[in-house]
Amino acid sequence: MRPIVPRAALCLALGALALEPALAQEKPPVTFVEANRSYFARGRSGEPVRYVVIHTIEGSAGSGINTFRYGRRRVSAHYIVDFDGKITQMVRDADTAWHAGNSLYNRRSIGIEHAGWAGRNRWTMEQYRASARITRWACDTYRIPKDRRHIIAHREVPGATHGDPGRYFDWDLYIRLVRGEGSLGGASSGGTTPGGANPGGTNPGGSTPGGSTPGGSNPGGAPAPIVRPEVQALAPAAGEVVGNGHFAPGDPARGLTGLRLRWAAGGPRPQQGARVFVEEVGGALRWESAHLPGGATEHRAAVALAHGRTYRWAVRVWDGTAEATSAWVTFRTDFTRGEVVQTWPRDDEEVTCTPALRWRYDDPDGPQEGYRVWIDDDEDHAQVLGDTKELNGATGAYFVRGRLQPGRTYWWRVMAHDGNSNVAISSWRRFRTSPDYVHFGGEGVSVRPLSPLDGGSTLEERPALRWAYHSGEQREQREFRVQVARQGGAGLLVDEPWTSAASGYLLRPTEPGAYQWRVRVWDGEEEAWSPWQRFVVLPPTSGISGAIAR
C-alpha cells in the first residue's frame, strides 16, 4: 500500500519545487570576476527571475569590467560578452545587479552586457552565439519564456534613459539562436544568384554534388540531397546608414574605395570561398568582387559610393560542394561631417565649482548619438589627464568627474558622432579654476552654497546668494527655489520659485541682522536642498528689488 501524504505537506512540497531552478543544459564556460560589492545587492528580495536584459557597454569588455569593479557610477551586470565570445560573470545570478535603471527590473532580471556601442554595427557571430547560449541557459534554468516579451533591450525597461543595444542588434537572429532554431537563419539559399556564375567555378577536386552518401551506398540508388551552406550578410545591416567610418582611411565623398563588408557562414562544411556583390538601387553601379578563396568572412570592397544614395549588397559562399547566396541587404550613405561648437566654459573663463562642459553638435543630416570628452592640464597634450572614452547619447553636457585643483588652467575638447561613423572633433579650449574653486560630484542632484559663506558677513546693500549645482545624470538645472529667514525669527522672509538655470539670486534690500538661507534645485526629474547657511548683514543697506543673478 502506498503511504498517504497529507494534502498540506503535498502542497508545501510542490510550492518548494516551484521555487527551485528548472533542470537546464550545462552552463556555458564563464570567467568569474566579482564586481565591487558596493555596486550590487545581495539576494533578490524574494523576486523571481523573469527577464533577460540586453545591454551594450559603449566600449570594450575590459572597460566594462573596470567600470563594475572600480568606476564611480556604482553599476554592474551579471555577465559581459566580448567580441570573441568570451563570457565574464561579475555578479552571481542569485544577487541583484544594478544594470536596468529600475529597481524592480533589477531584482527580476539577468543583465547581459556586450562589448560594443549602440551607435555602431560591431556585433560578431561569436558574440551573438555566446550571448545566446548564456541566455538560453538562463531561460531554461529560471523558466523564462524565450520570446521578446521576456528577453528585452535596456531601452525597453520602464523609465530607461539608455538606447542600447541599439538599432544594429539583430533581434530576429538572436531569438532564433536562443531557441536553437539554427546557427544563422535569414539566409537565402538557392534561387537567383547575384552575379550569375558559380563563384568557385567547377567543383574543386572533381566531386559531384549529390554523389555517394557518407556511411554507405544510397538506398534505392537515389542521389543524396545537397546540404547547402548557410550565409547571412551582417554589415552593413539592413537599413543602416553608412558613413566615413565604414571605409578605409580617406574621403568617401571623393570616391574612396574600401567599404567594409562582413557576413557569417555556417553549415556542415567550412566556407572555402566567397564573392560579394554591390549595386545602386535604381542606379547604374553594378559591382562584384573576384572570387575570394578561403574562409574569411570580411572584405574591403573596392567600390566607390556617392553621398546620399541607396545601395544593396549580397554575398555568396562556397563550401567545396555547394553554394548559397544571402538575401540582398539595402543600406544608405551619408558622408557629411557635423561640427562641434563648444559653448561653455568660454575660452579663458574662470569657474568656481565643478564645471559642466557644454557643446552643440551641428549636422543637417542627423543628431548626435555619441560623444567623447578629453580634459588636460598641459598645453602640449602629450599625456591627456582625463578621457571619458566613447559615451552613448545626444547630450551636450558633461560634468567633470575628476578633481580639479584651485587656481589652475585646464584644456578640454569633445568628439561627437551621428551614429553613422561620421565623427567631428573640436579644437582644444582652455578655462581656469578660481582660487576658491570647490569640487563635488556623485550620483543624483547636488547643490552646494558658495556665498555668503556659512557664518560670514556682508556689507553689500543687496546680498547675492550663489551656489554650485551638479547632476550625476548630466542633466541641466531646470529651476531653483530660494528661502531666506531671520535667525530666531518665525516664518520666511523670502520663498521664491524660479524656472531658471541661474546659479544665483539677488536679495531685496535687507535690514542689518542675522539671517539664514537655503536653495532647492531641480533637474526635471530629481531635486536637492542645500543645508541652511547663516550670514550677517552689516549696515548700511539699500536697493529696491530682487532679481536673478547669473
Protein backbone atom coordinates (compact mmCIF):
# COMPACT_ATOMS: atom_id res chain seq x y z
CA MET A 1 0.00 0.00 0.00
CA ARG A 2 1.30 3.49 -0.86
CA PRO A 3 1.79 5.79 2.10
CA ILE A 4 -0.77 8.56 2.41
CA VAL A 5 0.76 12.02 2.04
CA PRO A 6 -1.14 14.76 3.88
CA ARG A 7 -2.57 17.36 1.47
CA ALA A 8 -0.86 20.25 3.30
CA ALA A 9 2.53 18.54 3.10
CA LEU A 10 1.99 17.83 -0.60
CA CYS A 11 1.15 21.50 -1.30
CA LEU A 12 4.25 22.64 0.58
CA ALA A 13 6.41 20.21 -1.37
CA LEU A 14 5.02 21.38 -4.69
CA GLY A 15 5.47 25.02 -3.66
CA ALA A 16 9.09 24.42 -2.72
CA LEU A 17 9.68 22.64 -6.02
CA ALA A 18 8.31 25.62 -7.95
CA LEU A 19 10.92 27.87 -6.35
CA GLU A 20 13.82 25.68 -7.45
CA PRO A 21 15.53 26.42 -10.79
CA ALA A 22 14.48 24.10 -13.59
CA LEU A 23 16.88 21.48 -14.91
CA ALA A 24 18.73 23.04 -17.85
CA GLN A 25 21.54 22.42 -20.25
CA GLU A 26 25.08 22.79 -18.96
CA LYS A 27 26.05 26.38 -18.31
CA PRO A 28 28.47 27.84 -20.89
CA PRO A 29 32.01 28.37 -19.56
CA VAL A 30 32.46 31.72 -17.82
CA THR A 31 35.30 33.51 -16.04
CA PHE A 32 34.17 34.91 -12.69
CA VAL A 33 35.46 38.37 -11.76
CA GLU A 34 33.42 39.79 -8.91
CA ALA A 35 32.08 43.32 -9.23
CA ASN A 36 32.59 45.86 -6.47
CA ARG A 37 30.44 44.66 -3.59
CA SER A 38 29.01 48.15 -3.23
CA TYR A 39 27.73 48.03 -6.81
CA PHE A 40 25.16 45.23 -6.43
CA ALA A 41 22.76 43.92 -3.79
CA ARG A 42 22.84 40.56 -2.10
CA GLY A 43 19.83 38.39 -2.93
CA ARG A 44 16.74 39.38 -4.90
CA SER A 45 14.28 40.31 -2.11
CA GLY A 46 12.17 37.26 -2.92
CA GLU A 47 11.51 38.34 -6.53
CA PRO A 48 11.54 35.63 -9.26
CA VAL A 49 13.82 35.97 -12.28
CA ARG A 50 11.52 36.80 -15.21
CA TYR A 51 13.60 38.73 -17.73
CA VAL A 52 16.93 38.86 -19.52
CA VAL A 53 18.03 42.42 -20.30
CA ILE A 54 20.44 43.02 -23.20
CA HIS A 55 22.95 45.89 -22.99
CA THR A 56 25.97 47.35 -24.77
CA ILE A 57 28.91 48.62 -22.71
CA GLU A 58 29.67 51.56 -25.02
CA GLY A 59 33.25 50.37 -25.04
CA SER A 60 35.38 47.27 -24.71
CA ALA A 61 34.72 44.32 -22.41
CA GLY A 62 37.75 45.39 -20.37
CA SER A 63 36.31 48.87 -19.84
CA GLY A 64 33.08 47.29 -18.61
CA ILE A 65 34.92 45.06 -16.16
CA ASN A 66 36.84 48.06 -14.82
CA THR A 67 33.65 50.12 -14.50
CA PHE A 68 31.91 47.38 -12.50
CA ARG A 69 34.94 46.99 -10.21
CA TYR A 70 36.38 50.49 -9.81
CA GLY A 71 34.13 53.03 -11.59
CA ARG A 72 32.25 55.81 -9.87
CA ARG A 73 28.84 55.07 -11.40
CA ARG A 74 28.03 52.23 -8.95
CA VAL A 75 26.59 49.96 -11.62
CA SER A 76 27.05 46.28 -12.53
CA ALA A 77 25.70 43.43 -14.64
CA HIS A 78 25.66 39.67 -14.27
CA TYR A 79 27.57 38.90 -17.48
CA ILE A 80 29.80 40.59 -20.07
CA VAL A 81 30.18 39.03 -23.53
CA ASP A 82 33.26 40.03 -25.53
CA PHE A 83 33.56 40.25 -29.31
CA ASP A 84 35.31 36.87 -29.42
CA GLY A 85 32.55 35.16 -27.41
CA LYS A 86 34.38 35.08 -24.07
CA ILE A 87 31.92 35.43 -21.16
CA THR A 88 32.83 37.11 -17.87
CA GLN A 89 30.44 36.77 -14.92
CA MET A 90 30.63 39.62 -12.41
CA VAL A 91 27.52 39.17 -10.24
CA ARG A 92 26.08 35.83 -9.19
CA ASP A 93 22.66 35.00 -10.56
CA ALA A 94 21.21 34.87 -7.06
CA ASP A 95 22.20 38.51 -6.45
CA THR A 96 20.76 41.76 -7.85
CA ALA A 97 22.97 43.57 -10.35
CA TRP A 98 22.34 47.29 -10.86
CA HIS A 99 22.02 47.43 -14.63
CA ALA A 100 18.44 48.26 -15.67
CA GLY A 101 17.92 51.65 -14.01
CA ASN A 102 14.71 50.26 -12.48
CA SER A 103 14.90 48.61 -9.06
CA LEU A 104 12.06 46.15 -9.71
CA TYR A 105 13.52 45.03 -13.05
CA ASN A 106 16.96 44.76 -11.44
CA ARG A 107 15.57 42.27 -8.93
CA ARG A 108 13.66 40.34 -11.61
CA SER A 109 16.27 40.08 -14.36
CA ILE A 110 19.60 38.79 -15.55
CA GLY A 111 21.66 41.60 -17.09
CA ILE A 112 23.96 40.77 -20.00
CA GLU A 113 26.39 43.44 -21.21
CA HIS A 114 28.14 43.21 -24.58
CA ALA A 115 31.34 44.81 -25.79
CA GLY A 116 30.45 47.42 -28.39
CA TRP A 117 28.38 50.52 -28.96
CA ALA A 118 24.68 51.15 -29.57
CA GLY A 119 25.54 53.55 -32.40
CA ARG A 120 27.88 51.22 -34.30
CA ASN A 121 27.47 47.90 -36.08
CA ARG A 122 30.30 45.93 -34.47
CA TRP A 123 28.42 42.76 -33.49
CA THR A 124 30.18 39.46 -34.28
CA MET A 125 28.70 36.00 -34.74
CA GLU A 126 30.93 34.72 -31.92
CA GLN A 127 29.35 37.32 -29.65
CA TYR A 128 25.79 36.54 -30.80
CA ARG A 129 26.28 32.80 -30.28
CA ALA A 130 27.95 33.08 -26.87
CA SER A 131 25.34 35.54 -25.63
CA ALA A 132 22.52 33.34 -26.94
CA ARG A 133 23.99 30.33 -25.13
CA ILE A 134 24.07 32.08 -21.75
CA THR A 135 20.57 33.49 -22.36
CA ARG A 136 19.23 30.07 -23.35
CA TRP A 137 20.78 28.58 -20.23
CA ALA A 138 19.22 31.31 -18.05
CA CYS A 139 15.79 30.85 -19.70
CA ASP A 140 15.91 27.08 -19.15
CA THR A 141 17.19 27.43 -15.60
CA TYR A 142 14.72 30.06 -14.41
CA ARG A 143 11.76 29.14 -16.65
CA ILE A 144 11.90 32.40 -18.62
CA PRO A 145 9.95 32.25 -21.92
CA LYS A 146 12.25 32.58 -24.93
CA ASP A 147 10.43 35.50 -26.53
CA ARG A 148 10.72 39.26 -26.95
CA ARG A 149 8.42 39.94 -24.04
CA HIS A 150 10.93 38.43 -21.64
CA ILE A 151 14.25 38.89 -23.47
CA ILE A 152 14.30 42.67 -23.74
CA ALA A 153 16.51 45.63 -24.60
CA HIS A 154 17.74 48.02 -21.93
CA ARG A 155 15.78 50.76 -23.70
CA GLU A 156 12.57 48.73 -23.18
CA VAL A 157 12.85 48.77 -19.39
CA PRO A 158 10.23 51.18 -17.96
CA GLY A 159 11.85 54.53 -17.23
CA ALA A 160 15.04 53.70 -19.15
CA THR A 161 17.26 56.62 -20.20
CA HIS A 162 19.53 54.49 -22.43
CA GLY A 163 19.03 53.32 -26.01
CA ASP A 164 21.08 50.13 -26.05
CA PRO A 165 21.63 47.63 -27.53
CA GLY A 166 20.82 49.90 -30.49
CA ARG A 167 19.35 49.54 -33.96
CA TYR A 168 22.11 47.27 -35.24
CA PHE A 169 21.34 44.42 -32.86
CA ASP A 170 19.72 41.60 -34.88
CA TRP A 171 16.85 40.52 -32.63
CA ASP A 172 15.44 38.04 -35.15
CA LEU A 173 18.76 36.21 -35.39
CA TYR A 174 19.32 36.39 -31.64
CA ILE A 175 15.95 34.91 -30.65
CA ARG A 176 16.43 32.10 -33.16
CA LEU A 177 19.84 31.33 -31.67
CA VAL A 178 18.38 31.39 -28.14
CA ARG A 179 15.68 28.94 -29.22
CA GLY A 180 18.21 26.74 -31.01
CA GLU A 181 16.39 27.11 -34.33
CA GLY A 182 19.53 27.14 -36.47
CA SER A 183 23.01 28.55 -36.46
CA LEU A 184 22.22 31.54 -38.65
CA GLY A 185 18.80 31.85 -40.23
CA GLY A 186 17.59 34.57 -42.55
CA ALA A 187 19.88 33.49 -45.40
CA SER A 188 18.66 32.88 -48.89
CA SER A 189 19.95 29.57 -50.24
CA GLY A 190 19.09 28.79 -53.81
CA GLY A 191 17.01 30.97 -56.08
CA THR A 192 18.51 33.67 -58.27
CA THR A 193 22.19 34.28 -57.57
CA PRO A 194 23.57 37.83 -57.88
CA GLY A 195 26.33 37.89 -60.44
CA GLY A 196 25.33 34.67 -62.17
CA ALA A 197 28.04 32.01 -62.33
CA ASN A 198 29.33 29.79 -59.54
CA PRO A 199 31.91 31.85 -57.63
CA GLY A 200 34.21 28.87 -57.36
CA GLY A 201 33.84 27.70 -60.94
CA THR A 202 33.59 23.93 -61.28
CA ASN A 203 33.63 21.90 -58.12
CA PRO A 204 37.26 21.63 -56.92
CA GLY A 205 38.60 18.09 -56.97
CA GLY A 206 36.02 16.97 -59.47
CA SER A 207 33.49 15.98 -56.78
CA THR A 208 29.90 15.92 -57.88
CA PRO A 209 27.18 17.46 -55.66
CA GLY A 210 24.87 14.66 -54.64
CA GLY A 211 27.50 11.93 -55.00
CA SER A 212 27.85 8.98 -52.68
CA THR A 213 26.20 9.19 -49.29
CA PRO A 214 28.52 9.14 -46.25
CA GLY A 215 28.15 5.90 -44.34
CA GLY A 216 27.31 3.62 -47.26
CA SER A 217 25.51 3.39 -50.56
CA ASN A 218 22.42 5.37 -51.30
CA PRO A 219 19.24 3.44 -50.52
CA GLY A 220 17.43 2.74 -53.77
CA GLY A 221 20.25 4.36 -55.76
CA ALA A 222 18.67 7.84 -55.46
CA PRO A 223 21.17 10.75 -55.31
CA ALA A 224 21.76 12.17 -51.84
CA PRO A 225 20.23 15.62 -51.26
CA ILE A 226 22.63 18.51 -51.36
CA VAL A 227 23.03 20.20 -47.98
CA ARG A 228 23.75 23.82 -48.78
CA PRO A 229 25.75 26.13 -46.54
CA GLU A 230 24.09 28.93 -44.62
CA VAL A 231 25.06 32.57 -45.13
CA GLN A 232 23.86 35.90 -43.76
CA ALA A 233 25.01 39.40 -44.73
CA LEU A 234 25.74 41.22 -41.46
CA ALA A 235 27.35 44.60 -42.13
CA PRO A 236 26.23 46.95 -43.47
CA ALA A 237 22.93 45.78 -41.97
CA ALA A 238 19.50 46.29 -43.49
CA GLY A 239 18.53 49.97 -43.23
CA GLU A 240 21.95 51.02 -41.93
CA VAL A 241 23.34 54.42 -42.84
CA VAL A 242 26.97 54.10 -43.91
CA GLY A 243 29.33 56.95 -43.10
CA ASN A 244 33.02 57.75 -43.30
CA GLY A 245 33.98 55.32 -40.55
CA HIS A 246 32.86 52.31 -42.60
CA PHE A 247 35.68 52.93 -45.08
CA ALA A 248 39.44 52.63 -45.10
CA PRO A 249 41.29 55.92 -44.32
CA GLY A 250 40.42 58.59 -46.87
CA ASP A 251 37.45 60.55 -48.09
CA PRO A 252 34.49 58.53 -49.42
CA ALA A 253 32.85 61.73 -50.69
CA ARG A 254 35.64 61.84 -53.32
CA GLY A 255 35.17 58.25 -54.45
CA LEU A 256 37.08 56.40 -51.69
CA THR A 257 37.28 52.64 -52.09
CA GLY A 258 37.30 50.13 -49.28
CA LEU A 259 33.74 49.58 -47.98
CA ARG A 260 33.89 47.06 -45.14
CA LEU A 261 31.53 44.11 -45.76
CA ARG A 262 31.04 41.38 -43.18
CA TRP A 263 29.00 38.18 -43.25
CA ALA A 264 28.54 34.91 -41.36
CA ALA A 265 28.68 31.45 -42.89
CA GLY A 266 27.67 28.12 -41.40
CA GLY A 267 26.64 24.61 -42.35
CA PRO A 268 28.07 21.09 -42.37
CA ARG A 269 31.28 22.15 -44.15
CA PRO A 270 33.51 25.20 -43.70
CA GLN A 271 33.48 28.04 -46.20
CA GLN A 272 36.12 27.66 -48.93
CA GLY A 273 35.43 30.79 -50.94
CA ALA A 274 33.12 33.75 -51.38
CA ARG A 275 32.14 36.54 -53.73
CA VAL A 276 30.44 39.83 -52.83
CA PHE A 277 28.11 41.99 -54.93
CA VAL A 278 27.21 45.69 -54.58
CA GLU A 279 24.78 47.69 -56.69
CA GLU A 280 22.98 51.02 -56.52
CA VAL A 281 19.22 50.73 -56.14
CA GLY A 282 17.75 52.29 -59.27
CA GLY A 283 21.20 53.41 -60.42
CA ALA A 284 23.96 52.40 -62.79
CA LEU A 285 26.50 50.94 -60.34
CA ARG A 286 26.92 47.19 -60.66
CA TRP A 287 30.00 45.72 -59.00
CA GLU A 288 31.22 42.31 -57.89
CA SER A 289 34.46 41.12 -56.41
CA ALA A 290 36.71 38.45 -57.81
CA HIS A 291 36.48 35.01 -56.23
CA LEU A 292 37.76 35.32 -52.64
CA PRO A 293 39.35 31.99 -51.71
CA GLY A 294 39.41 30.78 -48.11
CA GLY A 295 37.24 31.08 -45.04
CA ALA A 296 37.48 34.84 -44.36
CA THR A 297 34.09 36.42 -43.68
CA GLU A 298 35.12 40.06 -44.15
CA HIS A 299 36.17 42.00 -47.23
CA ARG A 300 37.05 45.59 -48.11
CA ALA A 301 35.10 46.12 -51.33
CA ALA A 302 36.97 48.24 -53.89
CA VAL A 303 33.84 50.17 -54.83
CA ALA A 304 33.27 53.94 -54.97
CA LEU A 305 29.99 55.10 -53.44
CA ALA A 306 28.33 58.52 -53.66
CA HIS A 307 26.83 60.56 -50.82
CA GLY A 308 23.10 60.32 -50.16
CA ARG A 309 22.42 57.23 -52.30
CA THR A 310 20.75 53.88 -51.62
CA TYR A 311 22.68 50.69 -52.30
CA ARG A 312 22.32 46.98 -51.66
CA TRP A 313 24.79 44.14 -51.29
CA ALA A 314 24.86 40.36 -51.05
CA VAL A 315 27.42 37.60 -50.57
CA ARG A 316 27.67 34.12 -52.00
CA VAL A 317 29.73 31.42 -50.25
CA TRP A 318 31.09 28.09 -51.49
CA ASP A 319 31.93 25.16 -49.19
CA GLY A 320 33.58 22.88 -51.75
CA THR A 321 30.36 21.02 -52.51
CA ALA A 322 27.53 23.53 -52.71
CA GLU A 323 26.93 27.26 -52.67
CA ALA A 324 24.42 29.60 -51.07
CA THR A 325 23.64 33.27 -51.51
CA SER A 326 22.45 35.68 -48.86
CA ALA A 327 19.43 37.89 -49.26
CA TRP A 328 20.07 41.37 -50.64
CA VAL A 329 20.67 43.93 -47.85
CA THR A 330 19.84 47.58 -48.54
CA PHE A 331 21.75 50.49 -46.96
CA ARG A 332 22.19 54.24 -47.47
CA THR A 333 25.22 56.55 -47.49
CA ASP A 334 25.85 59.73 -45.51
CA PHE A 335 29.31 61.27 -45.77
CA THR A 336 28.57 64.64 -44.18
CA ARG A 337 30.62 65.57 -41.13
CA GLY A 338 28.94 67.54 -38.36
CA GLU A 339 30.58 70.33 -36.40
CA VAL A 340 31.15 70.51 -32.65
CA VAL A 341 30.73 74.01 -31.19
CA GLN A 342 31.95 74.38 -27.61
CA THR A 343 29.64 76.73 -25.72
CA TRP A 344 30.89 76.70 -22.10
CA PRO A 345 33.28 77.38 -20.45
CA ARG A 346 34.26 80.10 -22.88
CA ASP A 347 37.95 80.43 -23.66
CA ASP A 348 39.88 81.57 -20.55
CA GLU A 349 36.71 81.68 -18.46
CA GLU A 350 37.12 81.23 -14.70
CA VAL A 351 34.99 78.59 -12.97
CA THR A 352 34.31 78.44 -9.24
CA CYS A 353 32.96 74.86 -9.00
CA THR A 354 32.93 71.55 -10.85
CA PRO A 355 32.18 72.62 -14.43
CA ALA A 356 29.63 71.14 -16.81
CA LEU A 357 31.41 71.22 -20.16
CA ARG A 358 28.81 72.12 -22.80
CA TRP A 359 28.76 71.98 -26.59
CA ARG A 360 26.44 71.92 -29.60
CA TYR A 361 26.62 69.35 -32.40
CA ASP A 362 25.57 70.74 -35.80
CA ASP A 363 24.83 68.19 -38.55
CA PRO A 364 22.00 68.79 -41.04
CA ASP A 365 21.68 65.04 -41.71
CA GLY A 366 21.22 63.73 -38.18
CA PRO A 367 21.52 64.36 -34.44
CA GLN A 368 24.42 63.43 -32.19
CA GLU A 369 24.27 59.83 -30.97
CA GLY A 370 27.55 59.56 -29.09
CA TYR A 371 30.38 61.68 -27.69
CA ARG A 372 33.77 61.61 -26.00
CA VAL A 373 35.41 64.26 -23.82
CA TRP A 374 39.09 64.85 -23.08
CA ILE A 375 40.49 67.14 -20.38
CA ASP A 376 44.15 68.05 -19.82
CA ASP A 377 46.32 70.21 -17.59
CA ASP A 378 49.19 70.63 -20.05
CA GLU A 379 49.17 72.63 -23.27
CA ASP A 380 51.12 70.08 -25.31
CA HIS A 381 48.55 67.29 -24.61
CA ALA A 382 51.25 64.63 -24.77
CA GLN A 383 49.61 62.73 -21.91
CA VAL A 384 45.93 63.59 -21.51
CA LEU A 385 44.75 63.95 -17.93
CA GLY A 386 41.23 62.55 -18.44
CA ASP A 387 39.37 60.66 -21.19
CA THR A 388 35.73 59.55 -20.89
CA LYS A 389 36.08 57.07 -23.78
CA GLU A 390 33.04 56.91 -26.01
CA LEU A 391 29.67 57.53 -24.34
CA ASN A 392 26.23 56.97 -25.80
CA GLY A 393 23.64 59.74 -26.06
CA ALA A 394 22.60 63.05 -27.54
CA THR A 395 23.51 65.15 -24.51
CA GLY A 396 25.56 68.29 -24.99
CA ALA A 397 26.87 68.45 -21.43
CA TYR A 398 29.42 66.57 -19.35
CA PHE A 399 30.10 67.24 -15.67
CA VAL A 400 33.82 66.80 -14.99
CA ARG A 401 34.27 63.82 -12.67
CA GLY A 402 37.96 64.19 -11.89
CA ARG A 403 39.03 66.51 -9.09
CA LEU A 404 40.46 69.74 -10.49
CA GLN A 405 42.82 71.92 -8.46
CA PRO A 406 42.16 75.57 -7.50
CA GLY A 407 44.00 78.28 -9.41
CA ARG A 408 44.97 76.10 -12.38
CA THR A 409 44.49 76.25 -16.17
CA TYR A 410 42.90 73.29 -17.96
CA TRP A 411 42.16 72.42 -21.60
CA TRP A 412 39.26 70.40 -22.99
CA ARG A 413 37.85 69.20 -26.28
CA VAL A 414 34.96 66.97 -27.36
CA MET A 415 34.28 64.43 -30.11
CA ALA A 416 30.72 63.79 -31.32
CA HIS A 417 29.30 61.45 -33.96
CA ASP A 418 25.94 60.91 -35.63
CA GLY A 419 25.77 57.11 -35.29
CA ASN A 420 26.79 56.70 -38.94
CA SER A 421 30.52 56.83 -38.10
CA ASN A 422 30.74 60.49 -39.17
CA VAL A 423 32.92 62.00 -36.47
CA ALA A 424 33.58 65.64 -35.57
CA ILE A 425 36.23 66.79 -33.08
CA SER A 426 36.50 70.28 -31.62
CA SER A 427 39.72 72.17 -31.02
CA TRP A 428 41.26 72.40 -27.55
CA ARG A 429 39.80 75.18 -25.40
CA ARG A 430 41.05 76.32 -22.02
CA PHE A 431 39.48 77.51 -18.78
CA ARG A 432 40.73 78.45 -15.32
CA THR A 433 39.70 77.37 -11.83
CA SER A 434 39.33 80.16 -9.28
CA PRO A 435 41.48 80.30 -6.12
CA ASP A 436 38.38 79.29 -4.07
CA TYR A 437 37.33 76.52 -6.51
CA VAL A 438 35.26 73.70 -4.96
CA HIS A 439 34.81 70.19 -6.33
CA PHE A 440 31.79 67.99 -5.83
CA GLY A 441 30.05 65.27 -7.81
CA GLY A 442 28.44 61.85 -7.49
CA GLU A 443 25.09 60.42 -8.43
CA GLY A 444 21.79 62.27 -8.37
CA VAL A 445 21.44 66.03 -7.91
CA SER A 446 23.69 68.01 -5.56
CA VAL A 447 23.76 71.66 -4.58
CA ARG A 448 26.42 73.48 -2.57
CA PRO A 449 26.21 77.08 -1.31
CA LEU A 450 29.15 79.28 -2.35
CA SER A 451 28.38 82.67 -0.84
CA PRO A 452 27.77 84.13 1.60
CA LEU A 453 29.90 81.58 3.45
CA ASP A 454 28.29 79.94 6.44
CA GLY A 455 28.76 82.27 9.41
CA GLY A 456 30.14 85.06 7.23
CA SER A 457 29.08 88.68 6.91
CA THR A 458 28.47 91.09 4.07
CA LEU A 459 28.41 94.86 3.54
CA GLU A 460 26.54 94.51 0.26
CA GLU A 461 23.41 96.58 0.09
CA ARG A 462 21.69 93.68 -1.66
CA PRO A 463 23.42 90.37 -0.81
CA ALA A 464 23.88 87.95 -3.72
CA LEU A 465 23.22 84.29 -2.87
CA ARG A 466 25.32 81.94 -5.04
CA TRP A 467 25.51 78.16 -5.28
CA ALA A 468 27.02 75.35 -7.33
CA TYR A 469 24.88 72.66 -8.96
CA HIS A 470 25.76 69.13 -10.08
CA SER A 471 23.81 66.35 -11.81
CA GLY A 472 25.20 62.82 -11.91
CA GLU A 473 22.98 62.15 -14.94
CA GLN A 474 24.34 65.14 -16.91
CA ARG A 475 21.00 66.98 -16.80
CA GLU A 476 20.86 70.76 -16.56
CA GLN A 477 19.22 72.64 -13.71
CA ARG A 478 15.63 73.42 -14.67
CA GLU A 479 14.55 75.57 -11.72
CA PHE A 480 15.51 76.68 -8.23
CA ARG A 481 13.75 77.90 -5.10
CA VAL A 482 15.35 80.27 -2.54
CA GLN A 483 14.25 80.57 1.08
CA VAL A 484 15.54 83.24 3.50
CA ALA A 485 14.63 83.69 7.17
CA ARG A 486 15.83 85.70 10.16
CA GLN A 487 17.75 83.69 12.70
CA GLY A 488 15.48 83.02 15.62
CA GLY A 489 12.52 84.59 13.81
CA ALA A 490 9.25 82.98 12.75
CA GLY A 491 8.34 82.48 9.11
CA LEU A 492 10.19 83.04 5.84
CA LEU A 493 11.15 86.45 4.53
CA VAL A 494 11.79 85.06 1.02
CA ASP A 495 10.29 81.94 -0.54
CA GLU A 496 10.57 82.32 -4.30
CA PRO A 497 10.50 79.64 -7.01
CA TRP A 498 12.16 80.44 -10.34
CA THR A 499 12.13 78.45 -13.57
CA SER A 500 15.73 79.11 -14.46
CA ALA A 501 19.19 77.55 -14.78
CA ALA A 502 20.66 80.51 -12.87
CA SER A 503 23.09 79.79 -10.06
CA GLY A 504 22.49 82.97 -8.10
CA TYR A 505 19.78 85.19 -6.56
CA LEU A 506 19.99 88.90 -5.67
CA LEU A 507 18.14 89.70 -2.44
CA ARG A 508 15.85 92.65 -1.95
CA PRO A 509 17.02 95.43 0.41
CA THR A 510 17.75 93.70 3.69
CA GLU A 511 17.93 95.25 7.18
CA PRO A 512 21.06 94.69 9.25
CA GLY A 513 20.86 91.49 11.27
CA ALA A 514 21.47 87.74 11.28
CA TYR A 515 19.87 85.60 8.58
CA GLN A 516 19.88 82.10 7.20
CA TRP A 517 19.20 80.82 3.66
CA ARG A 518 18.99 77.70 1.55
CA VAL A 519 18.21 76.77 -2.04
CA ARG A 520 16.49 73.87 -3.76
CA VAL A 521 17.45 72.87 -7.32
CA TRP A 522 15.54 70.57 -9.70
CA ASP A 523 16.76 68.99 -12.98
CA GLY A 524 13.37 67.89 -14.32
CA GLU A 525 13.47 64.55 -12.51
CA GLU A 526 15.33 64.94 -9.21
CA GLU A 527 15.73 67.69 -6.67
CA ALA A 528 18.02 68.55 -3.76
CA TRP A 529 18.08 71.14 -0.98
CA SER A 530 21.26 72.76 0.28
CA PRO A 531 21.83 72.94 4.05
CA TRP A 532 20.85 76.16 5.82
CA GLN A 533 23.61 78.81 5.73
CA ARG A 534 23.95 81.61 8.27
CA PHE A 535 25.18 85.08 7.45
CA VAL A 536 25.11 88.61 8.88
CA VAL A 537 24.15 91.78 7.02
CA LEU A 538 26.07 94.80 8.27
CA PRO A 539 24.70 98.37 7.88
CA PRO A 540 24.05 100.26 5.72
CA THR A 541 21.82 98.54 3.12
CA SER A 542 19.86 99.95 0.19
CA GLY A 543 18.15 98.79 -3.03
CA ILE A 544 14.71 98.36 -4.41
CA SER A 545 14.04 94.88 -5.82
CA GLY A 546 15.14 91.25 -6.14
CA ALA A 547 16.36 89.71 -9.34
CA ILE A 548 18.11 86.68 -10.70
CA ALA A 549 21.88 86.97 -10.98
CA ARG A 550 23.60 84.53 -13.25
